[in-house]
Amino acid sequence: PLSGLKILEIAALGPAPFCAMLLSDLGAEVVRIDR
């Protein structure tokens, strides 16, 4: 259902990546910005 959304994720620990994973699982395009 979130297909078409574009989300940037600044790499972090724990809850932030879990939230990003949930949004990705539901169809959003999530790009993780790593070091």
Full PDB file with SEQRES, HELIX, SHEET, SSBOND, CRYST1, ORIGX, SCALE, CONECT and MASTER records, all heavy atoms in Angstrom:
SEQRES   1 A   35  PRO LEU SER GLY LEU LYS ILE LEU GLU ILE ALA ALA LEU          
SEQRES   2 A   35  GLY PRO ALA PRO PHE CYS ALA MET LEU LEU SER ASP LEU          
SEQRES   3 A   35  GLY ALA GLU VAL VAL ARG ILE ASP ARG                          
HELIX    1 AA1 PRO A   15  ASP A   25  1                                  11    
SHEET    1 AA1 2 LYS A   6  ILE A  10  0                                        
SHEET    2 AA1 2 GLU A  29  ILE A  33  1                                        
CRYST1    1.000    1.000    1.000  90.00  90.00  90.00 P 1           1          
ORIGX1      1.000000  0.000000  0.000000        0.00000                         
ORIGX2      0.000000  1.000000  0.000000        0.00000                         
ORIGX3      0.000000  0.000000  1.000000        0.00000                         
SCALE1      1.000000  0.000000  0.000000        0.00000                         
SCALE2      0.000000  1.000000  0.000000        0.00000                         
SCALE3      0.000000  0.000000  1.000000        0.00000                         
ATOM      1  N   PRO A   1       0.801  -1.229   0.000  1.00  0.00           N  
ATOM      2  CA  PRO A   1       0.000   0.000   0.000  1.00  0.00           C  
ATOM      3  C   PRO A   1       0.832   1.276   0.000  1.00  0.00           C  
ATOM      4  O   PRO A   1       0.297   2.336  -0.310  1.00  0.00           O  
ATOM      5  CB  PRO A   1      -0.818  -0.129   1.297  1.00  0.00           C  
ATOM      6  CG  PRO A   1      -0.017  -1.045   2.160  1.00  0.00           C  
ATOM      7  CD  PRO A   1       0.622  -2.023   1.221  1.00  0.00           C  
ATOM      8  N   LEU A   2       2.100   1.198   0.338  1.00  0.00           N  
ATOM      9  CA  LEU A   2       2.942   2.401   0.344  1.00  0.00           C  
ATOM     10  C   LEU A   2       3.759   2.551  -0.935  1.00  0.00           C  
ATOM     11  O   LEU A   2       4.630   3.416  -1.010  1.00  0.00           O  
ATOM     12  CB  LEU A   2       3.897   2.370   1.553  1.00  0.00           C  
ATOM     13  CG  LEU A   2       3.252   2.290   2.932  1.00  0.00           C  
ATOM     14  CD1 LEU A   2       4.303   2.374   4.022  1.00  0.00           C  
ATOM     15  CD2 LEU A   2       2.201   3.386   3.113  1.00  0.00           C  
ATOM     16  N   SER A   3       3.469   1.727  -1.925  1.00  0.00           N  
ATOM     17  CA  SER A   3       4.192   1.820  -3.189  1.00  0.00           C  
ATOM     18  C   SER A   3       4.085   3.228  -3.763  1.00  0.00           C  
ATOM     19  O   SER A   3       3.002   3.822  -3.805  1.00  0.00           O  
ATOM     20  CB  SER A   3       3.619   0.804  -4.189  1.00  0.00           C  
ATOM     21  OG  SER A   3       4.313   0.877  -5.409  1.00  0.00           O  
ATOM     22  N   GLY A   4       5.212   3.782  -4.185  1.00  0.00           N  
ATOM     23  CA  GLY A   4       5.244   5.141  -4.719  1.00  0.00           C  
ATOM     24  C   GLY A   4       5.846   6.140  -3.755  1.00  0.00           C  
ATOM     25  O   GLY A   4       6.293   7.205  -4.180  1.00  0.00           O  
ATOM     26  N   LEU A   5       5.884   5.810  -2.454  1.00  0.00           N  
ATOM     27  CA  LEU A   5       6.511   6.697  -1.487  1.00  0.00           C  
ATOM     28  C   LEU A   5       8.026   6.546  -1.537  1.00  0.00           C  
ATOM     29  O   LEU A   5       8.546   5.439  -1.662  1.00  0.00           O  
ATOM     30  CB  LEU A   5       6.024   6.381  -0.067  1.00  0.00           C  
ATOM     31  CG  LEU A   5       4.619   6.848   0.316  1.00  0.00           C  
ATOM     32  CD1 LEU A   5       4.294   6.394   1.728  1.00  0.00           C  
ATOM     33  CD2 LEU A   5       4.507   8.373   0.217  1.00  0.00           C  
ATOM     34  N   LYS A   6       8.727   7.650  -1.407  1.00  0.00           N  
ATOM     35  CA  LYS A   6      10.189   7.649  -1.421  1.00  0.00           C  
ATOM     36  C   LYS A   6      10.664   8.174  -0.067  1.00  0.00           C  
ATOM     37  O   LYS A   6      10.345   9.304   0.320  1.00  0.00           O  
ATOM     38  CB  LYS A   6      10.721   8.520  -2.562  1.00  0.00           C  
ATOM     39  CG  LYS A   6      10.311   8.014  -3.947  1.00  0.00           C  
ATOM     40  CD  LYS A   6      10.609   9.050  -5.028  1.00  0.00           C  
ATOM     41  CE  LYS A   6      12.077   9.163  -5.360  1.00  0.00           C  
ATOM     42  NZ  LYS A   6      12.575   8.017  -6.127  1.00  0.00           N  
ATOM     43  N   ILE A   7      11.420   7.349   0.640  1.00  0.00           N  
ATOM     44  CA  ILE A   7      11.830   7.675   2.001  1.00  0.00           C  
ATOM     45  C   ILE A   7      13.337   7.524   2.145  1.00  0.00           C  
ATOM     46  O   ILE A   7      13.918   6.532   1.693  1.00  0.00           O  
ATOM     47  CB  ILE A   7      11.102   6.759   3.014  1.00  0.00           C  
ATOM     48  CG1 ILE A   7       9.590   6.988   2.913  1.00  0.00           C  
ATOM     49  CG2 ILE A   7      11.601   7.001   4.433  1.00  0.00           C  
ATOM     50  CD1 ILE A   7       8.763   6.058   3.749  1.00  0.00           C  
ATOM     51  N   LEU A   8      13.962   8.510   2.778  1.00  0.00           N  
ATOM     52  CA  LEU A   8      15.381   8.447   3.098  1.00  0.00           C  
ATOM     53  C   LEU A   8      15.535   8.035   4.560  1.00  0.00           C  
ATOM     54  O   LEU A   8      14.832   8.543   5.439  1.00  0.00           O  
ATOM     55  CB  LEU A   8      16.042   9.808   2.892  1.00  0.00           C  
ATOM     56  CG  LEU A   8      16.067  10.344   1.470  1.00  0.00           C  
ATOM     57  CD1 LEU A   8      16.634  11.763   1.468  1.00  0.00           C  
ATOM     58  CD2 LEU A   8      16.898   9.447   0.568  1.00  0.00           C  
ATOM     59  N   GLU A   9      16.471   7.138   4.801  1.00  0.00           N  
ATOM     60  CA  GLU A   9      16.763   6.674   6.157  1.00  0.00           C  
ATOM     61  C   GLU A   9      18.239   6.938   6.436  1.00  0.00           C  
ATOM     62  O   GLU A   9      19.107   6.402   5.749  1.00  0.00           O  
ATOM     63  CB  GLU A   9      16.464   5.177   6.274  1.00  0.00           C  
ATOM     64  CG  GLU A   9      16.976   4.540   7.552  1.00  0.00           C  
ATOM     65  CD  GLU A   9      17.159   3.028   7.429  1.00  0.00           C  
ATOM     66  OE1 GLU A   9      16.888   2.473   6.346  1.00  0.00           O  
ATOM     67  OE2 GLU A   9      17.587   2.414   8.423  1.00  0.00           O  
ATOM     68  N   ILE A  10      18.517   7.748   7.432  1.00  0.00           N  
ATOM     69  CA  ILE A  10      19.898   7.947   7.852  1.00  0.00           C  
ATOM     70  C   ILE A  10      20.249   6.788   8.777  1.00  0.00           C  
ATOM     71  O   ILE A  10      19.581   6.573   9.794  1.00  0.00           O  
ATOM     72  CB  ILE A  10      20.089   9.293   8.580  1.00  0.00           C  
ATOM     73  CG1 ILE A  10      19.485  10.447   7.762  1.00  0.00           C  
ATOM     74  CG2 ILE A  10      21.563   9.524   8.853  1.00  0.00           C  
ATOM     75  CD1 ILE A  10      20.126  10.657   6.412  1.00  0.00           C  
ATOM     76  N   ALA A  11      21.268   6.024   8.426  1.00  0.00           N  
ATOM     77  CA  ALA A  11      21.574   4.800   9.154  1.00  0.00           C  
ATOM     78  C   ALA A  11      21.705   5.058  10.650  1.00  0.00           C  
ATOM     79  O   ALA A  11      22.336   6.013  11.090  1.00  0.00           O  
ATOM     80  CB  ALA A  11      22.867   4.184   8.617  1.00  0.00           C  
ATOM     81  N   ALA A  12      21.088   4.180  11.437  1.00  0.00           N  
ATOM     82  CA  ALA A  12      21.116   4.285  12.893  1.00  0.00           C  
ATOM     83  C   ALA A  12      20.986   2.881  13.460  1.00  0.00           C  
ATOM     84  O   ALA A  12      21.040   1.889  12.724  1.00  0.00           O  
ATOM     85  CB  ALA A  12      19.989   5.198  13.380  1.00  0.00           C  
ATOM     86  N   LEU A  13      20.778   2.802  14.759  1.00  0.00           N  
ATOM     87  CA  LEU A  13      20.613   1.512  15.419  1.00  0.00           C  
ATOM     88  C   LEU A  13      19.176   1.318  15.870  1.00  0.00           C  
ATOM     89  O   LEU A  13      18.468   2.275  16.181  1.00  0.00           O  
ATOM     90  CB  LEU A  13      21.532   1.417  16.654  1.00  0.00           C  
ATOM     91  CG  LEU A  13      23.042   1.471  16.398  1.00  0.00           C  
ATOM     92  CD1 LEU A  13      23.788   1.479  17.735  1.00  0.00           C  
ATOM     93  CD2 LEU A  13      23.486   0.286  15.561  1.00  0.00           C  
ATOM     94  N   GLY A  14      18.741   0.044  15.921  1.00  0.00           N  
ATOM     95  CA  GLY A  14      17.503  -0.339  16.579  1.00  0.00           C  
ATOM     96  C   GLY A  14      16.211   0.142  15.969  1.00  0.00           C  
ATOM     97  O   GLY A  14      15.817  -0.281  14.881  1.00  0.00           O  
ATOM     98  N   PRO A  15      15.517   1.067  16.650  1.00  0.00           N  
ATOM     99  CA  PRO A  15      14.155   1.402  16.236  1.00  0.00           C  
ATOM    100  C   PRO A  15      14.039   2.121  14.907  1.00  0.00           C  
ATOM    101  O   PRO A  15      13.077   1.890  14.167  1.00  0.00           O  
ATOM    102  CB  PRO A  15      13.642   2.280  17.385  1.00  0.00           C  
ATOM    103  CG  PRO A  15      14.874   2.804  18.033  1.00  0.00           C  
ATOM    104  CD  PRO A  15      15.899   1.714  17.901  1.00  0.00           C  
ATOM    105  N   ALA A  16      14.981   3.007  14.569  1.00  0.00           N  
ATOM    106  CA  ALA A  16      14.884   3.714  13.285  1.00  0.00           C  
ATOM    107  C   ALA A  16      14.962   2.739  12.111  1.00  0.00           C  
ATOM    108  O   ALA A  16      14.126   2.788  11.197  1.00  0.00           O  
ATOM    109  CB  ALA A  16      15.956   4.795  13.185  1.00  0.00           C  
ATOM    110  N   PRO A  17      15.946   1.825  12.061  1.00  0.00           N  
ATOM    111  CA  PRO A  17      15.949   0.863  10.956  1.00  0.00           C  
ATOM    112  C   PRO A  17      14.762  -0.090  10.970  1.00  0.00           C  
ATOM    113  O   PRO A  17      14.302  -0.511   9.912  1.00  0.00           O  
ATOM    114  CB  PRO A  17      17.274   0.112  11.131  1.00  0.00           C  
ATOM    115  CG  PRO A  17      17.754   0.423  12.484  1.00  0.00           C  
ATOM    116  CD  PRO A  17      17.191   1.757  12.847  1.00  0.00           C  
ATOM    117  N   PHE A  18      14.241  -0.425  12.148  1.00  0.00           N  
ATOM    118  CA  PHE A  18      13.055  -1.297  12.180  1.00  0.00           C  
ATOM    119  C   PHE A  18      11.857  -0.573  11.570  1.00  0.00           C  
ATOM    120  O   PHE A  18      11.078  -1.170  10.816  1.00  0.00           O  
ATOM    121  CB  PHE A  18      12.752  -1.725  13.615  1.00  0.00           C  
ATOM    122  CG  PHE A  18      11.626  -2.720  13.715  1.00  0.00           C  
ATOM    123  CD1 PHE A  18      11.715  -3.959  13.109  1.00  0.00           C  
ATOM    124  CD2 PHE A  18      10.471  -2.420  14.424  1.00  0.00           C  
ATOM    125  CE1 PHE A  18      10.681  -4.880  13.193  1.00  0.00           C  
ATOM    126  CE2 PHE A  18       9.431  -3.331  14.526  1.00  0.00           C  
ATOM    127  CZ  PHE A  18       9.545  -4.565  13.910  1.00  0.00           C  
ATOM    128  N   CYS A  19      11.718   0.709  11.879  1.00  0.00           N  
ATOM    129  CA  CYS A  19      10.649   1.499  11.255  1.00  0.00           C  
ATOM    130  C   CYS A  19      10.828   1.530   9.745  1.00  0.00           C  
ATOM    131  O   CYS A  19       9.871   1.335   8.989  1.00  0.00           O  
ATOM    132  CB  CYS A  19      10.665   2.915  11.821  1.00  0.00           C  
ATOM    133  SG  CYS A  19       9.515   4.045  11.006  1.00  0.00           S  
ATOM    134  N   ALA A  20      12.059   1.760   9.287  1.00  0.00           N  
ATOM    135  CA  ALA A  20      12.323   1.789   7.845  1.00  0.00           C  
ATOM    136  C   ALA A  20      12.030   0.442   7.205  1.00  0.00           C  
ATOM    137  O   ALA A  20      11.513   0.375   6.086  1.00  0.00           O  
ATOM    138  CB  ALA A  20      13.774   2.194   7.601  1.00  0.00           C  
ATOM    139  N   MET A  21      12.358  -0.639   7.903  1.00  0.00           N  
ATOM    140  CA  MET A  21      12.062  -1.964   7.384  1.00  0.00           C  
ATOM    141  C   MET A  21      10.558  -2.171   7.220  1.00  0.00           C  
ATOM    142  O   MET A  21      10.083  -2.700   6.204  1.00  0.00           O  
ATOM    143  CB  MET A  21      12.614  -3.025   8.342  1.00  0.00           C  
ATOM    144  CG  MET A  21      12.446  -4.458   7.866  1.00  0.00           C  
ATOM    145  SD  MET A  21      12.437  -5.665   9.225  1.00  0.00           S  
ATOM    146  CE  MET A  21      10.741  -5.485   9.821  1.00  0.00           C  
ATOM    147  N   LEU A  22       9.780  -1.733   8.203  1.00  0.00           N  
ATOM    148  CA  LEU A  22       8.327  -1.865   8.114  1.00  0.00           C  
ATOM    149  C   LEU A  22       7.779  -1.104   6.905  1.00  0.00           C  
ATOM    150  O   LEU A  22       6.927  -1.618   6.164  1.00  0.00           O  
ATOM    151  CB  LEU A  22       7.673  -1.330   9.390  1.00  0.00           C  
ATOM    152  CG  LEU A  22       7.938  -2.095  10.684  1.00  0.00           C  
ATOM    153  CD1 LEU A  22       7.331  -1.342  11.860  1.00  0.00           C  
ATOM    154  CD2 LEU A  22       7.378  -3.506  10.605  1.00  0.00           C  
ATOM    155  N   LEU A  23       8.261   0.115   6.707  1.00  0.00           N  
ATOM    156  CA  LEU A  23       7.783   0.918   5.582  1.00  0.00           C  
ATOM    157  C   LEU A  23       8.178   0.289   4.258  1.00  0.00           C  
ATOM    158  O   LEU A  23       7.404   0.301   3.291  1.00  0.00           O  
ATOM    159  CB  LEU A  23       8.329   2.337   5.696  1.00  0.00           C  
ATOM    160  CG  LEU A  23       7.920   3.107   6.968  1.00  0.00           C  
ATOM    161  CD1 LEU A  23       8.605   4.470   7.006  1.00  0.00           C  
ATOM    162  CD2 LEU A  23       6.414   3.256   7.064  1.00  0.00           C  
ATOM    163  N   SER A  24       9.370  -0.283   4.195  1.00  0.00           N  
ATOM    164  CA  SER A  24       9.803  -0.981   2.989  1.00  0.00           C  
ATOM    165  C   SER A  24       8.952  -2.227   2.745  1.00  0.00           C  
ATOM    166  O   SER A  24       8.521  -2.488   1.616  1.00  0.00           O  
ATOM    167  CB  SER A  24      11.276  -1.365   3.111  1.00  0.00           C  
ATOM    168  OG  SER A  24      11.656  -2.256   2.074  1.00  0.00           O  
ATOM    169  N   ASP A  25       8.706  -3.006   3.790  1.00  0.00           N  
ATOM    170  CA  ASP A  25       7.879  -4.203   3.652  1.00  0.00           C  
ATOM    171  C   ASP A  25       6.500  -3.878   3.089  1.00  0.00           C  
ATOM    172  O   ASP A  25       5.879  -4.698   2.406  1.00  0.00           O  
ATOM    173  CB  ASP A  25       7.696  -4.879   5.016  1.00  0.00           C  
ATOM    174  CG  ASP A  25       8.920  -5.667   5.474  1.00  0.00           C  
ATOM    175  OD1 ASP A  25       9.875  -5.793   4.679  1.00  0.00           O  
ATOM    176  OD2 ASP A  25       8.904  -6.150   6.623  1.00  0.00           O  
ATOM    177  N   LEU A  26       6.014  -2.672   3.380  1.00  0.00           N  
ATOM    178  CA  LEU A  26       4.689  -2.272   2.922  1.00  0.00           C  
ATOM    179  C   LEU A  26       4.737  -1.513   1.607  1.00  0.00           C  
ATOM    180  O   LEU A  26       3.742  -0.931   1.187  1.00  0.00           O  
ATOM    181  CB  LEU A  26       3.991  -1.433   3.995  1.00  0.00           C  
ATOM    182  CG  LEU A  26       3.759  -2.166   5.324  1.00  0.00           C  
ATOM    183  CD1 LEU A  26       2.998  -1.281   6.293  1.00  0.00           C  
ATOM    184  CD2 LEU A  26       3.027  -3.483   5.109  1.00  0.00           C  
ATOM    185  N   GLY A  27       5.894  -1.521   0.932  1.00  0.00           N  
ATOM    186  CA  GLY A  27       5.949  -1.051  -0.442  1.00  0.00           C  
ATOM    187  C   GLY A  27       6.685   0.237  -0.692  1.00  0.00           C  
ATOM    188  O   GLY A  27       6.906   0.603  -1.857  1.00  0.00           O  
ATOM    189  N   ALA A  28       7.080   0.973   0.347  1.00  0.00           N  
ATOM    190  CA  ALA A  28       7.788   2.231   0.117  1.00  0.00           C  
ATOM    191  C   ALA A  28       9.190   1.964  -0.436  1.00  0.00           C  
ATOM    192  O   ALA A  28       9.812   0.948  -0.124  1.00  0.00           O  
ATOM    193  CB  ALA A  28       7.884   3.026   1.409  1.00  0.00           C  
ATOM    194  N   GLU A  29       9.690   2.881  -1.249  1.00  0.00           N  
ATOM    195  CA  GLU A  29      11.087   2.833  -1.663  1.00  0.00           C  
ATOM    196  C   GLU A  29      11.904   3.542  -0.599  1.00  0.00           C  
ATOM    197  O   GLU A  29      11.839   4.766  -0.463  1.00  0.00           O  
ATOM    198  CB  GLU A  29      11.298   3.518  -3.017  1.00  0.00           C  
ATOM    199  CG  GLU A  29      12.765   3.512  -3.439  1.00  0.00           C  
ATOM    200  CD  GLU A  29      13.049   4.355  -4.663  1.00  0.00           C  
ATOM    201  OE1 GLU A  29      12.096   4.843  -5.304  1.00  0.00           O  
ATOM    202  OE2 GLU A  29      14.248   4.543  -4.974  1.00  0.00           O  
ATOM    203  N   VAL A  30      12.629   2.783   0.184  1.00  0.00           N  
ATOM    204  CA  VAL A  30      13.434   3.352   1.260  1.00  0.00           C  
ATOM    205  C   VAL A  30      14.905   3.209   0.891  1.00  0.00           C  
ATOM    206  O   VAL A  30      15.372   2.116   0.576  1.00  0.00           O  
ATOM    207  CB  VAL A  30      13.162   2.643   2.601  1.00  0.00           C  
ATOM    208  CG1 VAL A  30      13.948   3.327   3.726  1.00  0.00           C  
ATOM    209  CG2 VAL A  30      11.660   2.652   2.921  1.00  0.00           C  
ATOM    210  N   VAL A  31      15.623   4.312   0.928  1.00  0.00           N  
ATOM    211  CA  VAL A  31      17.057   4.317   0.662  1.00  0.00           C  
ATOM    212  C   VAL A  31      17.782   4.601   1.965  1.00  0.00           C  
ATOM    213  O   VAL A  31      17.505   5.610   2.631  1.00  0.00           O  
ATOM    214  CB  VAL A  31      17.421   5.376  -0.393  1.00  0.00           C  
ATOM    215  CG1 VAL A  31      18.937   5.556  -0.476  1.00  0.00           C  
ATOM    216  CG2 VAL A  31      16.874   4.971  -1.755  1.00  0.00           C  
ATOM    217  N   ARG A  32      18.686   3.704   2.334  1.00  0.00           N  
ATOM    218  CA  ARG A  32      19.453   3.881   3.568  1.00  0.00           C  
ATOM    219  C   ARG A  32      20.757   4.609   3.259  1.00  0.00           C  
ATOM    220  O   ARG A  32      21.512   4.193   2.379  1.00  0.00           O  
ATOM    221  CB  ARG A  32      19.752   2.527   4.210  1.00  0.00           C  
ATOM    222  CG  ARG A  32      20.392   2.626   5.588  1.00  0.00           C  
ATOM    223  CD  ARG A  32      20.571   1.284   6.249  1.00  0.00           C  
ATOM    224  NE  ARG A  32      21.698   0.536   5.710  1.00  0.00           N  
ATOM    225  CZ  ARG A  32      21.586  -0.565   4.976  1.00  0.00           C  
ATOM    226  NH1 ARG A  32      20.394  -1.048   4.677  1.00  0.00           N  
ATOM    227  NH2 ARG A  32      22.668  -1.186   4.534  1.00  0.00           N  
ATOM    228  N   ILE A  33      21.023   5.675   3.981  1.00  0.00           N  
ATOM    229  CA  ILE A  33      22.255   6.439   3.809  1.00  0.00           C  
ATOM    230  C   ILE A  33      23.236   5.976   4.880  1.00  0.00           C  
ATOM    231  O   ILE A  33      23.075   6.268   6.066  1.00  0.00           O  
ATOM    232  CB  ILE A  33      21.994   7.950   3.902  1.00  0.00           C  
ATOM    233  CG1 ILE A  33      21.030   8.371   2.787  1.00  0.00           C  
ATOM    234  CG2 ILE A  33      23.295   8.734   3.813  1.00  0.00           C  
ATOM    235  CD1 ILE A  33      20.626   9.820   2.829  1.00  0.00           C  
ATOM    236  N   ASP A  34      24.246   5.220   4.457  1.00  0.00           N  
ATOM    237  CA  ASP A  34      25.251   4.662   5.355  1.00  0.00           C  
ATOM    238  C   ASP A  34      26.523   5.483   5.331  1.00  0.00           C  
ATOM    239  O   ASP A  34      26.730   6.330   4.455  1.00  0.00           O  
ATOM    240  CB  ASP A  34      25.589   3.223   4.918  1.00  0.00           C  
ATOM    241  CG  ASP A  34      24.571   2.214   5.403  1.00  0.00           C  
ATOM    242  OD1 ASP A  34      24.355   2.137   6.627  1.00  0.00           O  
ATOM    243  OD2 ASP A  34      24.002   1.496   4.556  1.00  0.00           O  
ATOM    244  N   ARG A  35      27.397   5.186   6.276  1.00  0.00           N  
ATOM    245  CA  ARG A  35      28.739   5.759   6.261  1.00  0.00           C  
ATOM    246  C   ARG A  35      29.591   5.019   5.245  1.00  0.00           C  
ATOM    247  O   ARG A  35      29.459   3.801   5.102  1.00  0.00           O  
ATOM    248  CB  ARG A  35      29.389   5.638   7.632  1.00  0.00           C  
ATOM    249  CG  ARG A  35      28.689   6.399   8.744  1.00  0.00           C  
ATOM    250  CD  ARG A  35      29.393   6.149  10.066  1.00  0.00           C  
ATOM    251  NE  ARG A  35      28.735   6.837  11.165  1.00  0.00           N  
ATOM    252  CZ  ARG A  35      29.116   6.753  12.435  1.00  0.00           C  
ATOM    253  NH1 ARG A  35      30.165   5.989  12.743  1.00  0.00           N  
ATOM    254  NH2 ARG A  35      28.475   7.405  13.364  1.00  0.00           N  
TER     255      ARG A  35                                                      
MASTER        0    0    0    1    2    0    0    6  254    1    0    3          
END                                                                             
